[in-house]
Amino acid sequence: MIATLSPGSNSTDHTVNTLRYADRIKEKKVGNLFSPTNRSPAPPPEQTGKKLPLRKQAVSMPSISDELDNYGDDDFDELEQIMSEETSINNEQTVDAVESKADQSEQLSEMDKTVKELFEEEENLLNLHMASIHENASLLTEEGALLNSVQAENYDIDQYASRLREILDHRTSMIHSLQDKMGSFRELLRKEEELSGMR
């Protein structure tokens, strides 16, 4: 009997089943198929006119049952244990690979979301900056007119101081708003750089 075994962990069940089958077969005794009782009688050589071939001496070959006698049940148990350990290791590696792919896809989706937010924040920052420039230009024009009114003979200093304070407060508010928008934009830039470094 010839048995084929595989060292791969994917063939664990087949290998163990083959070894068990071979172990059971070695216990069975097979009768001599070449005994005279199982053969049809041949005509004597004198009738056929053929010469009998010389008999070769039989060479004894070890059978699979002799080979399997060298292995005990402990060996099969040990083989089963090794195969089950390899299977569990492969399962763990598969789970790790799936988790790693899930982490990578999560990082990619987080990256896409961050890049989208970054583009929106950049557009908002540029629009706010442009609006601030136009507002500053109009405030500068108003400040110039305010200074011209002060140079006249009959000017109201209280009105001048009140309006100048309003202009400065408005300009300070615009600067704070622009600084806040710039801070959130820089935070998104930092987040995008971190996610790019993790890929």
Protein backbone atom coordinates (compact mmCIF):
# COMPACT_ATOMS: atom_id res chain seq x y z
CA MET A 1 0.00 0.00 0.00
CA ILE A 2 1.26 3.51 -0.86
CA ALA A 3 -0.03 6.51 1.12
CA THR A 4 0.45 10.12 0.06
CA LEU A 5 0.86 12.73 2.79
CA SER A 6 1.13 16.50 2.56
CA PRO A 7 3.09 18.82 4.88
CA GLY A 8 0.70 21.73 4.17
CA SER A 9 -1.67 22.84 6.90
CA ASN A 10 -4.52 22.99 4.37
CA SER A 11 -4.32 19.18 3.98
CA THR A 12 -4.31 18.42 7.72
CA ASP A 13 -7.59 16.49 7.73
CA HIS A 14 -6.65 14.41 4.67
CA THR A 15 -3.22 13.57 6.06
CA VAL A 16 -4.58 12.48 9.43
CA ASN A 17 -7.34 10.43 7.79
CA THR A 18 -4.82 8.73 5.47
CA LEU A 19 -2.56 7.81 8.39
CA ARG A 20 -5.51 6.46 10.38
CA TYR A 21 -6.66 4.41 7.42
CA ALA A 22 -3.17 3.01 6.93
CA ASP A 23 -3.03 2.19 10.65
CA ARG A 24 -6.29 0.23 10.37
CA ILE A 25 -5.15 -1.57 7.22
CA LYS A 26 -1.98 -2.85 8.86
CA GLU A 27 -4.17 -4.80 11.32
CA LYS A 28 -5.97 -6.67 8.52
CA LYS A 29 -4.50 -9.89 7.14
CA VAL A 30 -4.77 -10.45 3.43
CA GLY A 31 -4.75 -14.03 2.18
CA ASN A 32 -2.21 -15.19 -0.36
CA LEU A 33 -3.77 -14.31 -3.70
CA PHE A 34 -1.21 -16.39 -5.52
CA SER A 35 -1.85 -19.64 -3.71
CA PRO A 36 -2.65 -22.68 -5.94
CA THR A 37 -6.24 -22.78 -4.72
CA ASN A 38 -6.97 -19.33 -6.17
CA ARG A 39 -5.52 -20.07 -9.63
CA SER A 40 -7.04 -21.93 -12.51
CA PRO A 41 -5.11 -25.09 -13.32
CA ALA A 42 -2.49 -24.65 -16.02
CA PRO A 43 -1.75 -27.39 -18.54
CA PRO A 44 1.42 -29.29 -17.92
CA PRO A 45 4.47 -28.00 -19.78
CA GLU A 46 4.75 -31.20 -21.76
CA GLN A 47 1.42 -30.45 -23.48
CA THR A 48 2.18 -26.88 -24.40
CA GLY A 49 5.67 -27.56 -25.61
CA LYS A 50 6.99 -24.53 -23.76
CA LYS A 51 9.88 -24.55 -21.44
CA LEU A 52 9.30 -23.37 -17.91
CA PRO A 53 11.08 -20.10 -17.10
CA LEU A 54 13.72 -20.18 -14.45
CA ARG A 55 12.39 -19.12 -11.07
CA LYS A 56 13.88 -15.99 -9.64
CA GLN A 57 14.48 -15.73 -5.97
CA ALA A 58 11.87 -13.51 -4.30
CA VAL A 59 13.13 -10.28 -2.75
CA SER A 60 11.34 -9.26 0.43
CA MET A 61 10.24 -5.62 0.50
CA PRO A 62 9.01 -3.95 3.67
CA SER A 63 5.26 -3.40 3.57
CA ILE A 64 3.43 -0.30 4.70
CA SER A 65 2.16 -2.21 7.71
CA ASP A 66 5.78 -2.92 8.75
CA GLU A 67 6.58 0.75 8.35
CA LEU A 68 3.51 1.84 10.31
CA ASP A 69 4.39 -0.59 13.11
CA ASN A 70 7.26 1.76 13.92
CA TYR A 71 4.75 4.51 14.69
CA GLY A 72 2.49 4.32 17.72
CA ASP A 73 -0.71 6.10 18.65
CA ASP A 74 1.36 8.76 20.42
CA ASP A 75 2.96 9.67 17.09
CA PHE A 76 -0.44 10.14 15.48
CA ASP A 77 -1.62 12.23 18.44
CA GLU A 78 1.51 14.35 18.21
CA LEU A 79 0.95 14.80 14.45
CA GLU A 80 -2.66 15.82 15.09
CA GLN A 81 -1.53 18.33 17.71
CA ILE A 82 1.08 19.84 15.37
CA MET A 83 -1.47 20.09 12.55
CA SER A 84 -4.06 21.73 14.82
CA GLU A 85 -1.45 24.24 16.07
CA GLU A 86 -0.53 25.10 12.48
CA THR A 87 -4.22 25.52 11.63
CA SER A 88 -4.78 27.83 14.61
CA ILE A 89 -1.68 29.87 13.67
CA ASN A 90 -2.93 30.17 10.08
CA ASN A 91 -6.37 31.21 11.36
CA GLU A 92 -4.78 33.87 13.59
CA GLN A 93 -2.71 35.14 10.66
CA THR A 94 -5.85 35.31 8.51
CA VAL A 95 -7.71 37.25 11.21
CA ASP A 96 -4.74 39.61 11.59
CA ALA A 97 -4.64 40.15 7.81
CA VAL A 98 -8.39 40.90 7.71
CA GLU A 99 -8.06 43.32 10.64
CA SER A 100 -5.07 44.98 8.99
CA LYS A 101 -7.03 45.47 5.75
CA ALA A 102 -9.98 46.86 7.73
CA ASP A 103 -7.62 49.29 9.50
CA GLN A 104 -6.14 50.37 6.18
CA SER A 105 -9.57 50.95 4.62
CA GLU A 106 -10.62 52.88 7.74
CA GLN A 107 -7.48 55.03 7.47
CA LEU A 108 -8.18 55.62 3.77
CA SER A 109 -11.77 56.69 4.45
CA GLU A 110 -10.55 58.96 7.28
CA MET A 111 -7.95 60.40 4.89
CA ASP A 112 -10.58 61.05 2.19
CA LYS A 113 -12.84 62.74 4.73
CA THR A 114 -9.97 64.92 6.03
CA VAL A 115 -8.88 65.95 2.52
CA LYS A 116 -12.47 66.92 1.67
CA GLU A 117 -12.77 68.98 4.86
CA LEU A 118 -9.37 70.55 4.11
CA PHE A 119 -10.48 71.73 0.65
CA GLU A 120 -13.71 73.18 2.07
CA GLU A 121 -11.84 74.94 4.89
CA GLU A 122 -9.28 76.32 2.42
CA GLU A 123 -12.06 77.76 0.25
CA ASN A 124 -13.76 79.31 3.30
CA LEU A 125 -10.45 80.82 4.49
CA LEU A 126 -9.72 82.37 1.08
CA ASN A 127 -13.25 83.80 0.83
CA LEU A 128 -13.03 85.27 4.34
CA HIS A 129 -9.60 86.77 3.60
CA MET A 130 -10.89 88.33 0.39
CA ALA A 131 -13.92 89.76 2.22
CA SER A 132 -11.62 91.15 4.92
CA ILE A 133 -9.46 92.90 2.33
CA HIS A 134 -12.53 94.56 0.73
CA GLU A 135 -13.90 95.52 4.15
CA ASN A 136 -10.53 96.97 5.18
CA ALA A 137 -10.42 98.99 1.96
CA SER A 138 -13.82 100.49 2.66
CA LEU A 139 -12.83 101.18 6.30
CA LEU A 140 -9.63 102.91 5.11
CA THR A 141 -11.70 105.11 2.80
CA GLU A 142 -14.03 105.96 5.70
CA GLU A 143 -11.05 106.69 7.99
CA GLY A 144 -9.62 109.07 5.36
CA ALA A 145 -12.97 110.92 5.18
CA LEU A 146 -13.09 111.03 8.98
CA LEU A 147 -9.62 112.61 9.13
CA ASN A 148 -10.62 115.18 6.49
CA SER A 149 -13.69 116.13 8.55
CA VAL A 150 -11.51 116.69 11.65
CA GLN A 151 -9.32 119.18 9.75
CA ALA A 152 -12.31 121.46 9.16
CA GLU A 153 -12.87 124.36 11.55
CA ASN A 154 -16.18 123.24 13.02
CA TYR A 155 -15.61 119.53 13.69
CA ASP A 156 -17.19 117.36 16.39
CA ILE A 157 -14.39 115.54 18.28
CA ASP A 158 -16.85 113.28 20.14
CA GLN A 159 -18.34 112.06 16.88
CA TYR A 160 -14.83 111.49 15.50
CA ALA A 161 -13.72 109.44 18.57
CA SER A 162 -16.96 107.41 18.59
CA ARG A 163 -16.74 106.52 14.90
CA LEU A 164 -13.02 105.70 15.10
CA ARG A 165 -13.71 103.35 18.00
CA GLU A 166 -16.42 101.56 15.94
CA ILE A 167 -14.03 101.18 12.99
CA LEU A 168 -11.26 99.77 15.18
CA ASP A 169 -13.64 97.33 16.92
CA HIS A 170 -14.90 96.14 13.53
CA ARG A 171 -11.35 95.68 12.26
CA THR A 172 -10.37 93.76 15.45
CA SER A 173 -13.41 91.47 15.04
CA MET A 174 -12.43 90.72 11.43
CA ILE A 175 -8.86 89.92 12.47
CA HIS A 176 -10.04 87.54 15.21
CA SER A 177 -12.41 85.81 12.82
CA LEU A 178 -9.63 85.40 10.25
CA GLN A 179 -7.26 84.06 12.92
CA ASP A 180 -9.84 81.46 14.08
CA LYS A 181 -10.40 80.29 10.50
CA MET A 182 -6.64 80.07 9.97
CA GLY A 183 -6.24 77.99 13.18
CA SER A 184 -8.85 75.42 12.11
CA PHE A 185 -7.25 75.25 8.64
CA ARG A 186 -3.79 74.60 10.15
CA GLU A 187 -5.27 71.89 12.41
CA LEU A 188 -6.72 70.09 9.38
CA LEU A 189 -3.36 70.41 7.61
CA ARG A 190 -1.61 68.78 10.58
CA LYS A 191 -4.19 65.95 10.66
CA GLU A 192 -3.77 65.33 6.93
CA GLU A 193 0.03 65.15 7.32
CA GLU A 194 -0.32 62.62 10.17
CA LEU A 195 -2.65 60.41 8.11
CA SER A 196 -0.30 60.65 5.10
CA GLY A 197 2.59 59.48 7.29
CA MET A 198 0.60 56.44 8.51
CA ARG A 199 0.00 55.12 4.98
